[in-house]
PDB file of all heavy atoms in Angstrom:
ATOM      1  N   ASN A   1       7.149  -7.965 -13.574  1.00  0.00           N
ATOM      2  CA  ASN A   1       6.072  -7.685 -12.634  1.00  0.00           C
ATOM      3  C   ASN A   1       6.604  -6.783 -11.452  1.00  0.00           C
ATOM      4  O   ASN A   1       6.194  -6.935 -10.363  1.00  0.00           O
ATOM      5  CB  ASN A   1       5.531  -9.007 -12.051  1.00  0.00           C
ATOM      6  CG  ASN A   1       4.013  -8.908 -11.768  1.00  0.00           C
ATOM      7  OD1 ASN A   1       3.361  -7.958 -12.300  1.00  0.00           O
ATOM      8  ND2 ASN A   1       3.540  -9.768 -11.002  1.00  0.00           N
ATOM      9  N   GLN A   2       7.341  -5.751 -11.867  1.00  0.00           N
ATOM     10  CA  GLN A   2       7.892  -4.761 -10.931  1.00  0.00           C
ATOM     11  C   GLN A   2       7.363  -3.409 -11.338  1.00  0.00           C
ATOM     12  O   GLN A   2       7.470  -3.045 -12.573  1.00  0.00           O
ATOM     13  CB  GLN A   2       9.322  -4.735 -10.863  1.00  0.00           C
ATOM     14  CG  GLN A   2       9.908  -6.036 -10.295  1.00  0.00           C
ATOM     15  CD  GLN A   2      11.409  -6.020 -10.247  1.00  0.00           C
ATOM     16  OE1 GLN A   2      12.113  -5.487 -11.216  1.00  0.00           O
ATOM     17  NE2 GLN A   2      11.983  -6.524  -9.208  1.00  0.00           N
ATOM     18  N   TYR A   3       6.816  -2.715 -10.433  1.00  0.00           N
ATOM     19  CA  TYR A   3       6.321  -1.274 -10.692  1.00  0.00           C
ATOM     20  C   TYR A   3       7.002  -0.236  -9.994  1.00  0.00           C
ATOM     21  O   TYR A   3       7.416  -0.470  -8.782  1.00  0.00           O
ATOM     22  CB  TYR A   3       4.850  -1.232 -10.387  1.00  0.00           C
ATOM     23  CG  TYR A   3       3.936  -2.295 -11.102  1.00  0.00           C
ATOM     24  CD1 TYR A   3       3.943  -3.537 -10.743  1.00  0.00           C
ATOM     25  CD2 TYR A   3       3.300  -1.872 -12.262  1.00  0.00           C
ATOM     26  CE1 TYR A   3       3.153  -4.503 -11.563  1.00  0.00           C
ATOM     27  CE2 TYR A   3       2.553  -2.769 -13.123  1.00  0.00           C
ATOM     28  CZ  TYR A   3       2.533  -4.087 -12.674  1.00  0.00           C
ATOM     29  OH  TYR A   3       1.720  -4.984 -13.367  1.00  0.00           O
ATOM     30  N   THR A   4       7.199   0.915 -10.595  1.00  0.00           N
ATOM     31  CA  THR A   4       8.024   1.995 -10.017  1.00  0.00           C
ATOM     32  C   THR A   4       7.212   3.186  -9.793  1.00  0.00           C
ATOM     33  O   THR A   4       6.426   3.615 -10.729  1.00  0.00           O
ATOM     34  CB  THR A   4       9.168   2.423 -11.076  1.00  0.00           C
ATOM     35  OG1 THR A   4       9.934   1.140 -11.293  1.00  0.00           O
ATOM     36  CG2 THR A   4      10.190   3.321 -10.350  1.00  0.00           C
ATOM     37  N   SER A   5       7.288   3.737  -8.647  1.00  0.00           N
ATOM     38  CA  SER A   5       6.522   5.030  -8.386  1.00  0.00           C
ATOM     39  C   SER A   5       7.271   5.856  -7.355  1.00  0.00           C
ATOM     40  O   SER A   5       8.201   5.445  -6.705  1.00  0.00           O
ATOM     41  CB  SER A   5       5.164   4.742  -7.901  1.00  0.00           C
ATOM     42  OG  SER A   5       5.265   4.100  -6.658  1.00  0.00           O
ATOM     43  N   ASN A   6       7.021   7.126  -7.360  1.00  0.00           N
ATOM     44  CA  ASN A   6       7.555   8.119  -6.366  1.00  0.00           C
ATOM     45  C   ASN A   6       6.672   8.270  -5.276  1.00  0.00           C
ATOM     46  O   ASN A   6       5.388   8.234  -5.448  1.00  0.00           O
ATOM     47  CB  ASN A   6       7.897   9.381  -6.936  1.00  0.00           C
ATOM     48  CG  ASN A   6       9.051   9.552  -7.860  1.00  0.00           C
ATOM     49  OD1 ASN A   6       9.819   8.514  -7.892  1.00  0.00           O
ATOM     50  ND2 ASN A   6       9.144  10.467  -8.682  1.00  0.00           N
ATOM     51  N   VAL A   7       7.134   8.106  -3.988  1.00  0.00           N
ATOM     52  CA  VAL A   7       6.314   8.179  -2.836  1.00  0.00           C
ATOM     53  C   VAL A   7       6.783   9.344  -1.872  1.00  0.00           C
ATOM     54  O   VAL A   7       7.952   9.754  -2.108  1.00  0.00           O
ATOM     55  CB  VAL A   7       6.262   6.810  -2.131  1.00  0.00           C
ATOM     56  CG1 VAL A   7       5.733   5.761  -3.023  1.00  0.00           C
ATOM     57  CG2 VAL A   7       7.654   6.414  -1.651  1.00  0.00           C
ATOM     58  N   GLU A   8       6.172   9.683  -0.984  1.00  0.00           N
ATOM     59  CA  GLU A   8       6.475  10.662   0.086  1.00  0.00           C
ATOM     60  C   GLU A   8       7.614  10.039   0.822  1.00  0.00           C
ATOM     61  O   GLU A   8       7.655   8.956   1.138  1.00  0.00           O
ATOM     62  CB  GLU A   8       5.321  11.088   1.149  1.00  0.00           C
ATOM     63  CG  GLU A   8       4.075  11.695   0.407  1.00  0.00           C
ATOM     64  CD  GLU A   8       4.360  13.102   0.072  1.00  0.00           C
ATOM     65  OE1 GLU A   8       5.174  13.727   0.770  1.00  0.00           O
ATOM     66  OE2 GLU A   8       3.639  13.672  -0.721  1.00  0.00           O
ATOM     67  N   SER A   9       8.621  10.920   1.099  1.00  0.00           N
ATOM     68  CA  SER A   9       9.870  10.489   1.929  1.00  0.00           C
ATOM     69  C   SER A   9       9.476  10.067   3.252  1.00  0.00           C
ATOM     70  O   SER A   9      10.168   9.244   3.868  1.00  0.00           O
ATOM     71  CB  SER A   9      10.884  11.563   1.751  1.00  0.00           C
ATOM     72  OG  SER A   9      10.583  12.726   2.448  1.00  0.00           O
ATOM     73  N   GLY A  10       8.433  10.583   3.861  1.00  0.00           N
ATOM     74  CA  GLY A  10       8.139  10.341   5.233  1.00  0.00           C
ATOM     75  C   GLY A  10       7.378   8.920   5.396  1.00  0.00           C
ATOM     76  O   GLY A  10       7.078   8.532   6.484  1.00  0.00           O
ATOM     77  N   SER A  11       6.882   8.469   4.255  1.00  0.00           N
ATOM     78  CA  SER A  11       6.135   7.174   4.298  1.00  0.00           C
ATOM     79  C   SER A  11       7.125   5.948   4.641  1.00  0.00           C
ATOM     80  O   SER A  11       8.147   5.934   4.034  1.00  0.00           O
ATOM     81  CB  SER A  11       5.381   6.966   2.967  1.00  0.00           C
ATOM     82  OG  SER A  11       4.481   8.093   2.773  1.00  0.00           O
ATOM     83  N   THR A  12       6.623   5.117   5.373  1.00  0.00           N
ATOM     84  CA  THR A  12       7.431   3.787   5.577  1.00  0.00           C
ATOM     85  C   THR A  12       6.998   2.733   4.600  1.00  0.00           C
ATOM     86  O   THR A  12       6.039   2.795   3.998  1.00  0.00           O
ATOM     87  CB  THR A  12       7.153   3.281   7.099  1.00  0.00           C
ATOM     88  OG1 THR A  12       5.881   2.904   7.078  1.00  0.00           O
ATOM     89  CG2 THR A  12       7.493   4.226   8.014  1.00  0.00           C
ATOM     90  N   ARG A  13       7.931   1.706   4.478  1.00  0.00           N
ATOM     91  CA  ARG A  13       7.780   0.716   3.644  1.00  0.00           C
ATOM     92  C   ARG A  13       6.462  -0.122   3.990  1.00  0.00           C
ATOM     93  O   ARG A  13       5.695  -0.583   3.050  1.00  0.00           O
ATOM     94  CB  ARG A  13       8.947  -0.368   3.720  1.00  0.00           C
ATOM     95  CG  ARG A  13      10.094   0.237   3.074  1.00  0.00           C
ATOM     96  CD  ARG A  13      11.223  -0.883   3.377  1.00  0.00           C
ATOM     97  NE  ARG A  13      12.379  -0.436   2.670  1.00  0.00           N
ATOM     98  CZ  ARG A  13      12.970  -1.128   1.732  1.00  0.00           C
ATOM     99  NH1 ARG A  13      12.402  -2.323   1.262  1.00  0.00           N
ATOM    100  NH2 ARG A  13      14.115  -0.675   1.144  1.00  0.00           N
ATOM    101  N   THR A  14       6.089  -0.250   5.219  1.00  0.00           N
ATOM    102  CA  THR A  14       4.986  -0.963   5.683  1.00  0.00           C
ATOM    103  C   THR A  14       3.694  -0.260   5.230  1.00  0.00           C
ATOM    104  O   THR A  14       2.811  -0.874   4.749  1.00  0.00           O
ATOM    105  CB  THR A  14       5.064  -1.145   7.143  1.00  0.00           C
ATOM    106  OG1 THR A  14       6.244  -1.692   7.604  1.00  0.00           O
ATOM    107  CG2 THR A  14       3.864  -1.975   7.659  1.00  0.00           C
ATOM    108  N   GLU A  15       3.719   1.077   5.450  1.00  0.00           N
ATOM    109  CA  GLU A  15       2.583   1.869   4.988  1.00  0.00           C
ATOM    110  C   GLU A  15       2.388   1.870   3.501  1.00  0.00           C
ATOM    111  O   GLU A  15       1.196   1.594   2.984  1.00  0.00           O
ATOM    112  CB  GLU A  15       2.767   3.396   5.326  1.00  0.00           C
ATOM    113  CG  GLU A  15       2.726   3.708   6.725  1.00  0.00           C
ATOM    114  CD  GLU A  15       3.026   5.148   7.091  1.00  0.00           C
ATOM    115  OE1 GLU A  15       3.676   5.832   6.081  1.00  0.00           O
ATOM    116  OE2 GLU A  15       2.679   5.572   8.173  1.00  0.00           O
ATOM    117  N   ILE A  16       3.505   1.889   2.691  1.00  0.00           N
ATOM    118  CA  ILE A  16       3.329   1.874   1.214  1.00  0.00           C
ATOM    119  C   ILE A  16       2.765   0.471   0.730  1.00  0.00           C
ATOM    120  O   ILE A  16       1.912   0.318  -0.130  1.00  0.00           O
ATOM    121  CB  ILE A  16       4.677   2.223   0.445  1.00  0.00           C
ATOM    122  CG1 ILE A  16       5.097   3.574   0.902  1.00  0.00           C
ATOM    123  CG2 ILE A  16       4.515   2.076  -0.986  1.00  0.00           C
ATOM    124  CD1 ILE A  16       4.156   4.675   0.410  1.00  0.00           C
ATOM    125  N   LYS A  17       3.271  -0.655   1.382  1.00  0.00           N
ATOM    126  CA  LYS A  17       2.837  -2.022   0.970  1.00  0.00           C
ATOM    127  C   LYS A  17       1.395  -2.187   1.404  1.00  0.00           C
ATOM    128  O   LYS A  17       0.662  -2.753   0.553  1.00  0.00           O
ATOM    129  CB  LYS A  17       3.715  -2.974   1.808  1.00  0.00           C
ATOM    130  CG  LYS A  17       3.260  -4.463   1.611  1.00  0.00           C
ATOM    131  CD  LYS A  17       4.223  -5.408   2.285  1.00  0.00           C
ATOM    132  CE  LYS A  17       3.671  -6.638   2.121  1.00  0.00           C
ATOM    133  NZ  LYS A  17       4.596  -7.709   2.825  1.00  0.00           N
ATOM    134  N   HIS A  18       0.971  -1.574   2.591  1.00  0.00           N
ATOM    135  CA  HIS A  18      -0.423  -1.695   2.853  1.00  0.00           C
ATOM    136  C   HIS A  18      -1.306  -0.930   2.002  1.00  0.00           C
ATOM    137  O   HIS A  18      -2.385  -1.460   1.426  1.00  0.00           O
ATOM    138  CB  HIS A  18      -0.526  -1.189   4.367  1.00  0.00           C
ATOM    139  CG  HIS A  18      -1.953  -1.212   4.810  1.00  0.00           C
ATOM    140  ND1 HIS A  18      -2.620  -2.314   5.223  1.00  0.00           N
ATOM    141  CD2 HIS A  18      -2.857  -0.229   5.014  1.00  0.00           C
ATOM    142  CE1 HIS A  18      -3.906  -2.127   5.597  1.00  0.00           C
ATOM    143  NE2 HIS A  18      -4.000  -0.827   5.517  1.00  0.00           N
ATOM    144  N   TRP A  19      -1.075   0.232   1.570  1.00  0.00           N
ATOM    145  CA  TRP A  19      -1.697   0.926   0.645  1.00  0.00           C
ATOM    146  C   TRP A  19      -1.846   0.352  -0.742  1.00  0.00           C
ATOM    147  O   TRP A  19      -2.895   0.214  -1.276  1.00  0.00           O
ATOM    148  CB  TRP A  19      -1.026   2.384   0.361  1.00  0.00           C
ATOM    149  CG  TRP A  19      -1.186   3.295   1.486  1.00  0.00           C
ATOM    150  CD1 TRP A  19      -2.091   3.308   2.574  1.00  0.00           C
ATOM    151  CD2 TRP A  19      -0.296   4.405   1.907  1.00  0.00           C
ATOM    152  NE1 TRP A  19      -1.998   4.374   3.474  1.00  0.00           N
ATOM    153  CE2 TRP A  19      -0.835   5.055   3.028  1.00  0.00           C
ATOM    154  CE3 TRP A  19       0.767   4.914   1.240  1.00  0.00           C
ATOM    155  CZ2 TRP A  19      -0.184   6.140   3.637  1.00  0.00           C
ATOM    156  CZ3 TRP A  19       1.489   6.059   1.788  1.00  0.00           C
ATOM    157  CH2 TRP A  19       0.998   6.621   3.003  1.00  0.00           C
ATOM    158  N   VAL A  20      -0.768  -0.223  -1.146  1.00  0.00           N
ATOM    159  CA  VAL A  20      -0.751  -0.910  -2.667  1.00  0.00           C
ATOM    160  C   VAL A  20      -1.682  -2.098  -2.550  1.00  0.00           C
ATOM    161  O   VAL A  20      -2.510  -2.359  -3.444  1.00  0.00           O
ATOM    162  CB  VAL A  20       0.603  -1.248  -3.061  1.00  0.00           C
ATOM    163  CG1 VAL A  20       0.705  -2.086  -4.285  1.00  0.00           C
ATOM    164  CG2 VAL A  20       1.403   0.007  -3.342  1.00  0.00           C
ATOM    165  N   GLU A  21      -1.419  -2.896  -1.508  1.00  0.00           N
ATOM    166  CA  GLU A  21      -2.250  -4.218  -1.364  1.00  0.00           C
ATOM    167  C   GLU A  21      -3.729  -3.912  -1.173  1.00  0.00           C
ATOM    168  O   GLU A  21      -4.583  -4.613  -1.721  1.00  0.00           O
ATOM    169  CB  GLU A  21      -1.670  -5.060  -0.124  1.00  0.00           C
ATOM    170  CG  GLU A  21      -0.418  -5.634  -0.540  1.00  0.00           C
ATOM    171  CD  GLU A  21       0.119  -6.490   0.589  1.00  0.00           C
ATOM    172  OE1 GLU A  21      -0.386  -6.438   1.734  1.00  0.00           O
ATOM    173  OE2 GLU A  21       0.934  -7.345   0.328  1.00  0.00           O
ATOM    174  N   LEU A  22      -4.034  -2.862  -0.381  1.00  0.00           N
ATOM    175  CA  LEU A  22      -5.469  -2.488  -0.159  1.00  0.00           C
ATOM    176  C   LEU A  22      -6.172  -1.830  -1.346  1.00  0.00           C
ATOM    177  O   LEU A  22      -7.278  -2.267  -1.634  1.00  0.00           O
ATOM    178  CB  LEU A  22      -5.576  -1.656   1.114  1.00  0.00           C
ATOM    179  CG  LEU A  22      -6.918  -1.285   1.680  1.00  0.00           C
ATOM    180  CD1 LEU A  22      -7.564  -2.573   2.255  1.00  0.00           C
ATOM    181  CD2 LEU A  22      -6.780  -0.224   2.720  1.00  0.00           C
ATOM    182  N   PHE A  23      -5.447  -0.950  -1.848  1.00  0.00           N
ATOM    183  CA  PHE A  23      -6.033  -0.077  -2.997  1.00  0.00           C
ATOM    184  C   PHE A  23      -6.209  -0.814  -4.274  1.00  0.00           C
ATOM    185  O   PHE A  23      -7.180  -0.782  -5.053  1.00  0.00           O
ATOM    186  CB  PHE A  23      -5.227   1.140  -3.223  1.00  0.00           C
ATOM    187  CG  PHE A  23      -5.855   1.965  -4.230  1.00  0.00           C
ATOM    188  CD1 PHE A  23      -6.941   2.878  -3.840  1.00  0.00           C
ATOM    189  CD2 PHE A  23      -5.415   2.185  -5.560  1.00  0.00           C
ATOM    190  CE1 PHE A  23      -7.514   3.668  -4.763  1.00  0.00           C
ATOM    191  CE2 PHE A  23      -6.030   3.154  -6.326  1.00  0.00           C
ATOM    192  CZ  PHE A  23      -7.052   3.802  -5.984  1.00  0.00           C
ATOM    193  N   PHE A  24      -5.139  -1.663  -4.707  1.00  0.00           N
ATOM    194  CA  PHE A  24      -5.139  -2.446  -5.952  1.00  0.00           C
ATOM    195  C   PHE A  24      -5.519  -3.861  -5.783  1.00  0.00           C
ATOM    196  O   PHE A  24      -5.699  -4.609  -6.795  1.00  0.00           O
ATOM    197  CB  PHE A  24      -3.744  -2.332  -6.656  1.00  0.00           C
ATOM    198  CG  PHE A  24      -3.436  -0.951  -7.008  1.00  0.00           C
ATOM    199  CD1 PHE A  24      -2.462  -0.325  -6.335  1.00  0.00           C
ATOM    200  CD2 PHE A  24      -4.053  -0.307  -8.176  1.00  0.00           C
ATOM    201  CE1 PHE A  24      -2.040   0.979  -6.699  1.00  0.00           C
ATOM    202  CE2 PHE A  24      -3.734   1.052  -8.448  1.00  0.00           C
ATOM    203  CZ  PHE A  24      -2.750   1.687  -7.807  1.00  0.00           C
ATOM    204  N   GLY A  25      -5.635  -4.390  -4.515  1.00  0.00           N
ATOM    205  CA  GLY A  25      -5.999  -5.807  -4.372  1.00  0.00           C
ATOM    206  C   GLY A  25      -4.962  -6.733  -4.812  1.00  0.00           C
ATOM    207  O   GLY A  25      -5.316  -7.846  -5.459  1.00  0.00           O
ATOM    208  N   VAL A  26      -3.674  -6.435  -4.663  1.00  0.00           N
ATOM    209  CA  VAL A  26      -2.628  -7.297  -5.044  1.00  0.00           C
ATOM    210  C   VAL A  26      -1.725  -7.810  -3.890  1.00  0.00           C
ATOM    211  O   VAL A  26      -1.921  -7.269  -2.831  1.00  0.00           O
ATOM    212  CB  VAL A  26      -1.748  -6.563  -6.065  1.00  0.00           C
ATOM    213  CG1 VAL A  26      -2.462  -6.210  -7.382  1.00  0.00           C
ATOM    214  CG2 VAL A  26      -1.106  -5.267  -5.507  1.00  0.00           C
ATOM    215  N   LYS A  27      -0.900  -8.696  -4.128  1.00  0.00           N
ATOM    216  CA  LYS A  27       0.083  -9.180  -3.155  1.00  0.00           C
ATOM    217  C   LYS A  27       1.397  -8.766  -3.363  1.00  0.00           C
ATOM    218  O   LYS A  27       1.993  -9.113  -4.457  1.00  0.00           O
ATOM    219  CB  LYS A  27      -0.096 -10.765  -3.010  1.00  0.00           C
ATOM    220  CG  LYS A  27       0.900 -11.444  -1.985  1.00  0.00           C
ATOM    221  CD  LYS A  27       0.371 -11.039  -0.597  1.00  0.00           C
ATOM    222  CE  LYS A  27       1.187 -11.735   0.333  1.00  0.00           C
ATOM    223  NZ  LYS A  27       1.048 -11.124   1.696  1.00  0.00           N
ATOM    224  N   VAL A  28       2.003  -7.939  -2.619  1.00  0.00           N
ATOM    225  CA  VAL A  28       3.367  -7.408  -2.714  1.00  0.00           C
ATOM    226  C   VAL A  28       4.415  -8.399  -2.097  1.00  0.00           C
ATOM    227  O   VAL A  28       4.196  -8.786  -0.889  1.00  0.00           O
ATOM    228  CB  VAL A  28       3.603  -6.070  -2.041  1.00  0.00           C
ATOM    229  CG1 VAL A  28       5.039  -5.634  -2.061  1.00  0.00           C
ATOM    230  CG2 VAL A  28       2.610  -5.073  -2.729  1.00  0.00           C
ATOM    231  N   ILE A  29       5.417  -8.804  -2.814  1.00  0.00           N
ATOM    232  CA  ILE A  29       6.519  -9.746  -2.141  1.00  0.00           C
ATOM    233  C   ILE A  29       7.705  -9.112  -2.066  1.00  0.00           C
ATOM    234  O   ILE A  29       8.528  -9.551  -1.127  1.00  0.00           O
ATOM    235  CB  ILE A  29       6.625 -11.009  -3.145  1.00  0.00           C
ATOM    236  CG1 ILE A  29       7.109 -10.542  -4.582  1.00  0.00           C
ATOM    237  CG2 ILE A  29       5.410 -11.777  -3.163  1.00  0.00           C
ATOM    238  CD1 ILE A  29       7.477 -11.792  -5.519  1.00  0.00           C
ATOM    239  N   ALA A  30       8.070  -7.828  -2.573  1.00  0.00           N
ATOM    240  CA  ALA A  30       9.296  -7.166  -2.307  1.00  0.00           C
ATOM    241  C   ALA A  30       9.181  -5.737  -2.631  1.00  0.00           C
ATOM    242  O   ALA A  30       8.432  -5.280  -3.483  1.00  0.00           O
ATOM    243  CB  ALA A  30      10.444  -7.775  -3.130  1.00  0.00           C
ATOM    244  N   MET A  31       9.916  -4.920  -1.915  1.00  0.00           N
ATOM    245  CA  MET A  31       9.923  -3.609  -2.188  1.00  0.00           C
ATOM    246  C   MET A  31      11.368  -3.023  -1.977  1.00  0.00           C
ATOM    247  O   MET A  31      12.040  -3.350  -1.066  1.00  0.00           O
ATOM    248  CB  MET A  31       8.983  -2.770  -1.153  1.00  0.00           C
ATOM    249  CG  MET A  31       7.632  -3.172  -1.261  1.00  0.00           C
ATOM    250  SD  MET A  31       6.511  -2.285  -0.045  1.00  0.00           S
ATOM    251  CE  MET A  31       6.729  -0.561  -0.527  1.00  0.00           C
ATOM    252  N   ASN A  32      11.850  -2.238  -2.847  1.00  0.00           N
ATOM    253  CA  ASN A  32      13.151  -1.513  -2.891  1.00  0.00           C
ATOM    254  C   ASN A  32      12.829  -0.072  -2.996  1.00  0.00           C
ATOM    255  O   ASN A  32      12.030   0.337  -3.804  1.00  0.00           O
ATOM    256  CB  ASN A  32      13.982  -2.113  -3.938  1.00  0.00           C
ATOM    257  CG  ASN A  32      14.298  -3.459  -3.885  1.00  0.00           C
ATOM    258  OD1 ASN A  32      14.498  -4.074  -2.865  1.00  0.00           O
ATOM    259  ND2 ASN A  32      14.222  -4.176  -4.989  1.00  0.00           N
ATOM    260  N   SER A  33      13.673   0.695  -2.322  1.00  0.00           N
ATOM    261  CA  SER A  33      13.520   2.169  -2.342  1.00  0.00           C
ATOM    262  C   SER A  33      14.900   2.726  -2.332  1.00  0.00           C
ATOM    263  O   SER A  33      15.855   2.295  -1.855  1.00  0.00           O
ATOM    264  CB  SER A  33      12.741   2.691  -1.169  1.00  0.00           C
ATOM    265  OG  SER A  33      13.366   2.458   0.096  1.00  0.00           O
ATOM    266  N   HIS A  34      14.874   4.051  -2.856  1.00  0.00           N
ATOM    267  CA  HIS A  34      16.109   4.842  -2.849  1.00  0.00           C
ATOM    268  C   HIS A  34      15.798   6.277  -2.961  1.00  0.00           C
ATOM    269  O   HIS A  34      14.779   6.571  -3.579  1.00  0.00           O
ATOM    270  CB  HIS A  34      17.163   4.409  -3.859  1.00  0.00           C
ATOM    271  CG  HIS A  34      16.781   4.695  -5.243  1.00  0.00           C
ATOM    272  ND1 HIS A  34      15.909   3.789  -6.008  1.00  0.00           N
ATOM    273  CD2 HIS A  34      16.906   5.674  -6.109  1.00  0.00           C
ATOM    274  CE1 HIS A  34      15.719   4.257  -7.217  1.00  0.00           C
ATOM    275  NE2 HIS A  34      16.251   5.346  -7.276  1.00  0.00           N
ATOM    276  N   ARG A  35      16.600   7.218  -2.363  1.00  0.00           N
ATOM    277  CA  ARG A  35      16.401   8.543  -2.550  1.00  0.00           C
ATOM    278  C   ARG A  35      17.055   8.999  -3.896  1.00  0.00           C
ATOM    279  O   ARG A  35      18.215   8.537  -4.072  1.00  0.00           O
ATOM    280  CB  ARG A  35      16.995   9.305  -1.281  1.00  0.00           C
ATOM    281  CG  ARG A  35      16.132   9.052  -0.108  1.00  0.00           C
ATOM    282  CD  ARG A  35      16.461   9.961   0.992  1.00  0.00           C
ATOM    283  NE  ARG A  35      16.245  11.369   0.599  1.00  0.00           N
ATOM    284  CZ  ARG A  35      16.515  12.333   1.341  1.00  0.00           C
ATOM    285  NH1 ARG A  35      16.904  12.127   2.627  1.00  0.00           N
ATOM    286  NH2 ARG A  35      16.299  13.485   0.885  1.00  0.00           N
ATOM    287  N   LEU A  36      16.402   9.883  -4.673  1.00  0.00           N
ATOM    288  CA  LEU A  36      17.089  10.351  -5.749  1.00  0.00           C
ATOM    289  C   LEU A  36      18.180  11.429  -5.483  1.00  0.00           C
ATOM    290  O   LEU A  36      17.985  12.292  -4.806  1.00  0.00           O
ATOM    291  CB  LEU A  36      15.925  11.009  -6.620  1.00  0.00           C
ATOM    292  CG  LEU A  36      14.842  10.153  -7.060  1.00  0.00           C
ATOM    293  CD1 LEU A  36      13.714  10.874  -7.816  1.00  0.00           C
ATOM    294  CD2 LEU A  36      15.271   8.984  -7.907  1.00  0.00           C
ATOM    295  N   GLY A  37      19.309  11.128  -6.052  1.00  0.00           N
ATOM    296  CA  GLY A  37      20.532  11.959  -5.726  1.00  0.00           C
ATOM    297  C   GLY A  37      21.157  12.208  -7.032  1.00  0.00           C
ATOM    298  O   GLY A  37      20.876  11.839  -8.180  1.00  0.00           O
ATOM    299  N   ARG A  38      22.071  13.247  -6.896  1.00  0.00           N
ATOM    300  CA  ARG A  38      22.873  13.686  -8.110  1.00  0.00           C
ATOM    301  C   ARG A  38      24.280  13.571  -7.653  1.00  0.00           C
ATOM    302  O   ARG A  38      24.694  14.255  -6.722  1.00  0.00           O
ATOM    303  CB  ARG A  38      22.428  15.079  -8.437  1.00  0.00           C
ATOM    304  CG  ARG A  38      23.151  15.569  -9.676  1.00  0.00           C
ATOM    305  CD  ARG A  38      22.403  16.946 -10.065  1.00  0.00           C
ATOM    306  NE  ARG A  38      21.106  16.690 -10.307  1.00  0.00           N
ATOM    307  CZ  ARG A  38      20.256  17.723 -10.505  1.00  0.00           C
ATOM    308  NH1 ARG A  38      20.706  18.913 -10.659  1.00  0.00           N
ATOM    309  NH2 ARG A  38      18.964  17.436 -10.948  1.00  0.00           N
ATOM    310  N   ARG A  39      25.124  12.931  -8.487  1.00  0.00           N
ATOM    311  CA  ARG A  39      26.569  13.027  -8.209  1.00  0.00           C
ATOM    312  C   ARG A  39      27.242  14.186  -8.796  1.00  0.00           C
ATOM    313  O   ARG A  39      27.000  14.463  -9.904  1.00  0.00           O
ATOM    314  CB  ARG A  39      27.129  11.814  -8.815  1.00  0.00           C
ATOM    315  CG  ARG A  39      28.689  11.643  -8.468  1.00  0.00           C
ATOM    316  CD  ARG A  39      29.190  10.135  -8.527  1.00  0.00           C
ATOM    317  NE  ARG A  39      28.521   9.180  -7.642  1.00  0.00           N
ATOM    318  CZ  ARG A  39      28.976   9.098  -6.339  1.00  0.00           C
ATOM    319  NH1 ARG A  39      29.848  10.031  -5.886  1.00  0.00           N
ATOM    320  NH2 ARG A  39      28.422   8.087  -5.629  1.00  0.00           N
ATOM    321  N   MET A  40      28.021  14.843  -7.895  1.00  0.00           N
ATOM    322  CA  MET A  40      28.790  16.079  -8.359  1.00  0.00           C
ATOM    323  C   MET A  40      30.329  15.707  -8.033  1.00  0.00           C
ATOM    324  O   MET A  40      30.712  16.120  -6.877  1.00  0.00           O
ATOM    325  CB  MET A  40      28.316  17.198  -7.597  1.00  0.00           C
ATOM    326  CG  MET A  40      26.929  17.573  -7.904  1.00  0.00           C
ATOM    327  SD  MET A  40      26.251  18.843  -6.970  1.00  0.00           S
ATOM    328  CE  MET A  40      25.563  17.829  -5.690  1.00  0.00           C
TER     329      MET A  40
END
């Protein structure tokens, strides 16, 4: 029951959680995020 999506880097976790709960009518219990990087 975990969904993965790319979001704007300027958006906060609180904003994303609010958008997901409001738009889809679901209850979010956890959020993890990371910036995509490349190891050289």
